[in-house]
Amino acid sequence: IANSSTYPYKETDGKCERGKLQEHAATIRDYKFVKHNCEEQLMAAVAVRPVAVGFDSNDECFKFYQAGLYDGMCIKHGEYFGPCSSNDRIHSLAIVGYAGKGGDRVKYWIAKNSWRNQLG
C-alpha cells in the first residue's frame, strides 16, 4: 500500500504511477473474509486490523455527508428522510475501529474514506 504523502489521491481518473508504489506505508501479508452482515465477526476483525468493506455510496444522504456520525438520514428539501440504500456496494471504505459500546451509548463504526465530497 503506497504512502498517501508519496502517492496522494487526486480525485481524477488516471494511469497508475508504478514508481510511486515502491515506498510502502503498509504491506498485506494475510487476509480473511468476514461473514456478510455479521457484526460480531467484523468487530473481532477490526480489533486486530483495518477491514475493507463495500458500501452503497449511491445513497443521496451519503453523497452530501461531510462530518459527524452518519446514520443514513439526511435533510432533503427541508424534510428529514432516510435511511436509503440500494444495496449496491459500489464504494470501498476501511473500517478502522468502533465506539460507543455499552449502556445507552450509540454504537458506531469508525471508517476511513478514500475520497472527500466536493461541495460548491
N, C-alpha and C. Protein backbone atom coordinates (compact mmCIF):
# COMPACT_ATOMS: atom_id res chain seq x y z
N ILE A 1 0.86 -1.17 0.00
CA ILE A 1 0.00 0.00 0.00
C ILE A 1 0.90 1.23 0.00
N ALA A 2 0.67 2.12 -0.93
CA ALA A 2 1.51 3.31 -1.05
C ALA A 2 1.19 4.31 0.05
N ASN A 3 2.20 5.07 0.43
CA ASN A 3 2.06 6.13 1.42
C ASN A 3 1.29 7.29 0.78
N SER A 4 0.29 7.84 1.46
CA SER A 4 -0.54 8.90 0.87
C SER A 4 0.23 10.19 0.62
N SER A 5 1.32 10.42 1.36
CA SER A 5 2.12 11.61 1.09
C SER A 5 2.96 11.44 -0.19
N THR A 6 3.30 10.20 -0.53
CA THR A 6 4.06 9.91 -1.74
C THR A 6 3.15 9.81 -2.96
N TYR A 7 1.97 9.23 -2.76
CA TYR A 7 1.05 8.99 -3.87
C TYR A 7 -0.34 9.46 -3.45
N PRO A 8 -0.57 10.78 -3.40
CA PRO A 8 -1.85 11.31 -2.92
C PRO A 8 -3.00 11.04 -3.89
N TYR A 9 -4.19 10.94 -3.33
CA TYR A 9 -5.40 10.77 -4.12
C TYR A 9 -5.75 12.10 -4.77
N LYS A 10 -5.99 12.10 -6.10
CA LYS A 10 -6.22 13.35 -6.84
C LYS A 10 -7.65 13.53 -7.33
N GLU A 11 -8.55 12.62 -7.02
CA GLU A 11 -9.97 12.71 -7.39
C GLU A 11 -10.19 12.76 -8.90
N THR A 12 -9.29 12.17 -9.67
CA THR A 12 -9.45 12.10 -11.12
C THR A 12 -9.00 10.72 -11.60
N ASP A 13 -9.52 10.31 -12.75
CA ASP A 13 -9.06 9.07 -13.36
C ASP A 13 -7.68 9.29 -13.95
N GLY A 14 -6.85 8.30 -13.90
CA GLY A 14 -5.52 8.43 -14.46
C GLY A 14 -4.80 7.11 -14.48
N LYS A 15 -3.58 7.12 -14.95
CA LYS A 15 -2.76 5.92 -15.02
C LYS A 15 -2.09 5.66 -13.67
N CYS A 16 -1.85 4.41 -13.38
CA CYS A 16 -1.11 4.02 -12.18
C CYS A 16 0.34 4.48 -12.34
N GLU A 17 0.85 5.17 -11.34
CA GLU A 17 2.24 5.62 -11.34
C GLU A 17 3.06 4.61 -10.54
N ARG A 18 3.47 3.54 -11.19
CA ARG A 18 4.12 2.41 -10.52
C ARG A 18 5.37 2.80 -9.74
N GLY A 19 6.10 3.78 -10.19
CA GLY A 19 7.31 4.22 -9.48
C GLY A 19 7.00 4.70 -8.07
N LYS A 20 5.81 5.27 -7.87
CA LYS A 20 5.43 5.77 -6.55
C LYS A 20 5.00 4.64 -5.61
N LEU A 21 4.84 3.45 -6.15
CA LEU A 21 4.40 2.32 -5.34
C LEU A 21 5.56 1.64 -4.63
N GLN A 22 6.79 2.07 -4.87
CA GLN A 22 7.96 1.45 -4.26
C GLN A 22 8.08 1.74 -2.77
N GLU A 23 7.67 2.94 -2.35
CA GLU A 23 7.72 3.29 -0.93
C GLU A 23 6.41 2.85 -0.27
N HIS A 24 6.52 1.91 0.65
CA HIS A 24 5.32 1.31 1.23
C HIS A 24 4.98 1.91 2.59
N ALA A 25 3.69 2.20 2.78
CA ALA A 25 3.18 2.62 4.08
C ALA A 25 2.78 1.38 4.88
N ALA A 26 2.39 0.33 4.17
CA ALA A 26 1.99 -0.92 4.81
C ALA A 26 2.09 -2.04 3.79
N THR A 27 2.17 -3.25 4.27
CA THR A 27 2.23 -4.43 3.42
C THR A 27 1.16 -5.41 3.89
N ILE A 28 0.45 -6.00 2.95
CA ILE A 28 -0.56 -7.01 3.30
C ILE A 28 0.09 -8.38 3.22
N ARG A 29 0.09 -9.10 4.33
CA ARG A 29 0.68 -10.44 4.38
C ARG A 29 -0.38 -11.53 4.39
N ASP A 30 -1.58 -11.20 4.86
CA ASP A 30 -2.62 -12.21 5.01
C ASP A 30 -3.97 -11.51 4.97
N TYR A 31 -5.01 -12.26 4.69
CA TYR A 31 -6.35 -11.70 4.74
C TYR A 31 -7.34 -12.79 5.11
N LYS A 32 -8.49 -12.38 5.59
CA LYS A 32 -9.58 -13.28 5.93
C LYS A 32 -10.88 -12.61 5.53
N PHE A 33 -11.88 -13.40 5.22
CA PHE A 33 -13.19 -12.86 4.90
C PHE A 33 -14.04 -12.81 6.16
N VAL A 34 -14.86 -11.78 6.27
CA VAL A 34 -15.81 -11.64 7.36
C VAL A 34 -17.18 -11.97 6.79
N LYS A 35 -17.94 -12.78 7.52
CA LYS A 35 -19.27 -13.19 7.08
C LYS A 35 -20.14 -11.96 6.82
N HIS A 36 -20.86 -11.96 5.72
CA HIS A 36 -21.75 -10.86 5.33
C HIS A 36 -22.77 -10.57 6.44
N ASN A 37 -22.90 -9.30 6.80
CA ASN A 37 -23.85 -8.83 7.82
C ASN A 37 -23.62 -9.45 9.20
N CYS A 38 -22.38 -9.81 9.52
CA CYS A 38 -22.09 -10.38 10.83
C CYS A 38 -21.29 -9.36 11.64
N GLU A 39 -21.99 -8.59 12.45
CA GLU A 39 -21.36 -7.53 13.23
C GLU A 39 -20.30 -8.06 14.19
N GLU A 40 -20.53 -9.23 14.77
CA GLU A 40 -19.58 -9.80 15.72
C GLU A 40 -18.25 -10.12 15.05
N GLN A 41 -18.30 -10.74 13.85
CA GLN A 41 -17.06 -11.06 13.12
C GLN A 41 -16.34 -9.79 12.69
N LEU A 42 -17.10 -8.78 12.26
CA LEU A 42 -16.47 -7.52 11.85
C LEU A 42 -15.80 -6.86 13.04
N MET A 43 -16.45 -6.85 14.19
CA MET A 43 -15.87 -6.25 15.38
C MET A 43 -14.59 -6.97 15.79
N ALA A 44 -14.58 -8.29 15.73
CA ALA A 44 -13.38 -9.06 16.09
C ALA A 44 -12.24 -8.77 15.11
N ALA A 45 -12.56 -8.67 13.82
CA ALA A 45 -11.53 -8.41 12.82
C ALA A 45 -10.96 -6.99 12.96
N VAL A 46 -11.82 -6.01 13.19
CA VAL A 46 -11.38 -4.61 13.32
C VAL A 46 -10.53 -4.42 14.58
N ALA A 47 -10.73 -5.24 15.59
CA ALA A 47 -9.92 -5.15 16.80
C ALA A 47 -8.46 -5.50 16.51
N VAL A 48 -8.21 -6.22 15.41
CA VAL A 48 -6.86 -6.66 15.05
C VAL A 48 -6.24 -5.78 13.97
N ARG A 49 -7.06 -5.35 12.99
CA ARG A 49 -6.53 -4.60 11.84
C ARG A 49 -7.68 -3.90 11.11
N PRO A 50 -7.37 -2.90 10.26
CA PRO A 50 -8.42 -2.28 9.44
C PRO A 50 -9.06 -3.32 8.52
N VAL A 51 -10.33 -3.12 8.20
CA VAL A 51 -11.07 -4.06 7.36
C VAL A 51 -11.70 -3.29 6.20
N ALA A 52 -11.46 -3.76 4.97
CA ALA A 52 -12.07 -3.15 3.79
C ALA A 52 -13.50 -3.66 3.67
N VAL A 53 -14.44 -2.74 3.46
CA VAL A 53 -15.85 -3.12 3.31
C VAL A 53 -16.44 -2.44 2.08
N GLY A 54 -17.45 -3.07 1.51
CA GLY A 54 -18.20 -2.46 0.42
C GLY A 54 -19.30 -1.59 1.01
N PHE A 55 -19.61 -0.49 0.33
CA PHE A 55 -20.56 0.48 0.86
C PHE A 55 -21.39 1.03 -0.28
N ASP A 56 -22.68 1.25 -0.04
CA ASP A 56 -23.57 1.83 -1.03
C ASP A 56 -23.44 3.35 -1.00
N SER A 57 -22.65 3.89 -1.90
CA SER A 57 -22.46 5.34 -1.93
C SER A 57 -23.45 6.04 -2.86
N ASN A 58 -24.40 5.28 -3.41
CA ASN A 58 -25.46 5.89 -4.22
C ASN A 58 -26.45 6.66 -3.37
N ASP A 59 -26.49 6.35 -2.09
CA ASP A 59 -27.42 6.98 -1.17
C ASP A 59 -27.22 8.50 -1.21
N GLU A 60 -28.27 9.23 -1.52
CA GLU A 60 -28.17 10.68 -1.63
C GLU A 60 -27.69 11.32 -0.34
N CYS A 61 -28.05 10.75 0.80
CA CYS A 61 -27.60 11.29 2.08
C CYS A 61 -26.09 11.16 2.21
N PHE A 62 -25.53 10.05 1.77
CA PHE A 62 -24.08 9.86 1.86
C PHE A 62 -23.33 10.79 0.91
N LYS A 63 -23.91 11.04 -0.26
CA LYS A 63 -23.24 11.90 -1.24
C LYS A 63 -22.93 13.28 -0.66
N PHE A 64 -23.77 13.76 0.25
CA PHE A 64 -23.58 15.10 0.81
C PHE A 64 -23.10 15.08 2.25
N TYR A 65 -22.73 13.91 2.75
CA TYR A 65 -22.21 13.79 4.11
C TYR A 65 -20.86 14.50 4.21
N GLN A 66 -20.64 15.23 5.32
CA GLN A 66 -19.36 15.91 5.49
C GLN A 66 -18.66 15.53 6.78
N ALA A 67 -19.39 15.37 7.88
CA ALA A 67 -18.73 15.09 9.16
C ALA A 67 -19.75 14.57 10.17
N GLY A 68 -19.23 14.00 11.25
CA GLY A 68 -20.08 13.51 12.33
C GLY A 68 -20.51 12.08 12.12
N LEU A 69 -21.48 11.64 12.92
CA LEU A 69 -22.00 10.28 12.79
C LEU A 69 -22.95 10.20 11.61
N TYR A 70 -22.74 9.26 10.73
CA TYR A 70 -23.59 9.05 9.56
C TYR A 70 -24.56 7.92 9.89
N ASP A 71 -25.85 8.22 9.87
CA ASP A 71 -26.84 7.20 10.17
C ASP A 71 -27.76 6.90 8.99
N GLY A 72 -27.40 7.39 7.82
CA GLY A 72 -28.22 7.14 6.64
C GLY A 72 -29.38 8.10 6.51
N MET A 73 -29.48 9.05 7.40
CA MET A 73 -30.58 10.02 7.37
C MET A 73 -30.03 11.37 6.90
N CYS A 74 -30.86 12.16 6.26
CA CYS A 74 -30.43 13.49 5.85
C CYS A 74 -31.64 14.39 5.61
N ILE A 75 -31.36 15.63 5.34
CA ILE A 75 -32.41 16.60 5.07
C ILE A 75 -32.43 16.88 3.58
N LYS A 76 -33.60 16.72 2.97
CA LYS A 76 -33.77 16.99 1.55
C LYS A 76 -34.99 17.88 1.40
N HIS A 77 -34.81 19.02 0.77
CA HIS A 77 -35.90 19.98 0.58
C HIS A 77 -36.57 20.32 1.91
N GLY A 78 -35.75 20.45 2.96
CA GLY A 78 -36.26 20.85 4.26
C GLY A 78 -36.88 19.74 5.08
N GLU A 79 -36.92 18.50 4.55
CA GLU A 79 -37.51 17.38 5.29
C GLU A 79 -36.45 16.34 5.60
N TYR A 80 -36.53 15.76 6.80
CA TYR A 80 -35.61 14.72 7.25
C TYR A 80 -36.09 13.39 6.69
N PHE A 81 -35.22 12.65 5.98
CA PHE A 81 -35.64 11.36 5.44
C PHE A 81 -34.49 10.37 5.43
N GLY A 82 -34.80 9.11 5.15
CA GLY A 82 -33.81 8.05 5.07
C GLY A 82 -34.19 6.95 6.05
N PRO A 83 -33.39 5.95 6.32
CA PRO A 83 -32.19 5.66 5.55
C PRO A 83 -32.54 5.07 4.19
N CYS A 84 -31.72 5.33 3.23
CA CYS A 84 -31.94 4.85 1.87
C CYS A 84 -30.77 3.95 1.49
N SER A 85 -31.06 2.89 0.80
CA SER A 85 -30.00 2.02 0.34
C SER A 85 -30.50 1.19 -0.82
N SER A 86 -29.66 1.06 -1.82
CA SER A 86 -29.99 0.19 -2.95
C SER A 86 -29.25 -1.14 -2.83
N ASN A 87 -28.43 -1.26 -1.77
CA ASN A 87 -27.60 -2.44 -1.56
C ASN A 87 -26.59 -2.66 -2.69
N ASP A 88 -26.29 -1.60 -3.44
CA ASP A 88 -25.25 -1.66 -4.46
C ASP A 88 -23.95 -1.21 -3.82
N ARG A 89 -23.10 -2.15 -3.49
CA ARG A 89 -21.83 -1.83 -2.84
C ARG A 89 -20.83 -1.42 -3.90
N ILE A 90 -20.84 -0.12 -4.24
CA ILE A 90 -20.01 0.37 -5.33
C ILE A 90 -18.83 1.21 -4.83
N HIS A 91 -18.66 1.29 -3.53
CA HIS A 91 -17.60 2.11 -2.96
C HIS A 91 -16.95 1.32 -1.83
N SER A 92 -15.67 1.56 -1.61
CA SER A 92 -14.96 0.87 -0.53
C SER A 92 -14.59 1.84 0.58
N LEU A 93 -14.70 1.38 1.79
CA LEU A 93 -14.27 2.11 2.98
C LEU A 93 -13.38 1.19 3.78
N ALA A 94 -12.54 1.76 4.61
CA ALA A 94 -11.76 0.98 5.56
C ALA A 94 -12.38 1.20 6.94
N ILE A 95 -12.84 0.14 7.56
CA ILE A 95 -13.34 0.23 8.93
C ILE A 95 -12.12 0.09 9.83
N VAL A 96 -11.85 1.12 10.63
CA VAL A 96 -10.63 1.14 11.44
C VAL A 96 -10.90 1.05 12.93
N GLY A 97 -12.16 1.06 13.32
CA GLY A 97 -12.47 0.95 14.74
C GLY A 97 -13.96 1.02 14.99
N TYR A 98 -14.32 0.99 16.25
CA TYR A 98 -15.72 1.10 16.67
C TYR A 98 -15.74 1.78 18.02
N ALA A 99 -16.88 2.34 18.37
CA ALA A 99 -17.00 3.07 19.64
C ALA A 99 -18.45 3.06 20.10
N GLY A 100 -18.64 3.54 21.30
CA GLY A 100 -19.98 3.69 21.84
C GLY A 100 -20.57 2.44 22.45
N LYS A 101 -19.77 1.43 22.66
CA LYS A 101 -20.28 0.18 23.19
C LYS A 101 -20.64 0.32 24.67
N GLY A 102 -21.79 -0.21 25.04
CA GLY A 102 -22.19 -0.25 26.45
C GLY A 102 -23.22 0.80 26.81
N GLY A 103 -24.10 0.43 27.72
CA GLY A 103 -25.11 1.36 28.22
C GLY A 103 -26.02 1.87 27.12
N ASP A 104 -26.42 3.13 27.24
CA ASP A 104 -27.30 3.75 26.25
C ASP A 104 -26.53 4.47 25.15
N ARG A 105 -25.23 4.29 25.11
CA ARG A 105 -24.42 4.99 24.10
C ARG A 105 -24.69 4.42 22.71
N VAL A 106 -24.69 5.28 21.71
CA VAL A 106 -24.89 4.87 20.33
C VAL A 106 -23.64 4.14 19.85
N LYS A 107 -23.83 2.94 19.29
CA LYS A 107 -22.70 2.20 18.73
C LYS A 107 -22.46 2.68 17.31
N TYR A 108 -21.18 2.82 16.93
CA TYR A 108 -20.88 3.21 15.56
C TYR A 108 -19.51 2.69 15.14
N TRP A 109 -19.35 2.55 13.83
CA TRP A 109 -18.09 2.14 13.24
C TRP A 109 -17.29 3.38 12.88
N ILE A 110 -15.98 3.32 13.01
CA ILE A 110 -15.10 4.40 12.60
C ILE A 110 -14.53 4.01 11.24
N ALA A 111 -14.85 4.81 10.22
CA ALA A 111 -14.46 4.48 8.85
C ALA A 111 -13.50 5.52 8.30
N LYS A 112 -12.60 5.06 7.46
CA LYS A 112 -11.71 5.95 6.72
C LYS A 112 -12.13 5.88 5.27
N ASN A 113 -12.50 7.03 4.72
CA ASN A 113 -12.96 7.09 3.35
C ASN A 113 -11.79 7.48 2.45
N SER A 114 -11.82 7.04 1.20
CA SER A 114 -10.72 7.33 0.29
C SER A 114 -10.93 8.59 -0.53
N TRP A 115 -12.08 9.24 -0.37
CA TRP A 115 -12.33 10.47 -1.12
C TRP A 115 -13.15 11.42 -0.29
N ARG A 116 -13.09 12.69 -0.67
CA ARG A 116 -13.86 13.73 0.01
C ARG A 116 -14.96 14.20 -0.92
N ASN A 117 -16.08 14.59 -0.35
CA ASN A 117 -17.12 15.24 -1.14
C ASN A 117 -16.70 16.66 -1.46
N GLN A 118 -16.91 17.10 -2.66
CA GLN A 118 -16.56 18.46 -3.06
C GLN A 118 -17.85 19.24 -3.26
N LEU A 119 -18.19 20.06 -2.30
CA LEU A 119 -19.39 20.87 -2.41
C LEU A 119 -19.02 22.30 -2.74
N GLY A 120 -19.70 22.88 -3.76
CA GLY A 120 -19.54 24.25 -4.20
C GLY A 120 -18.80 25.07 -3.29
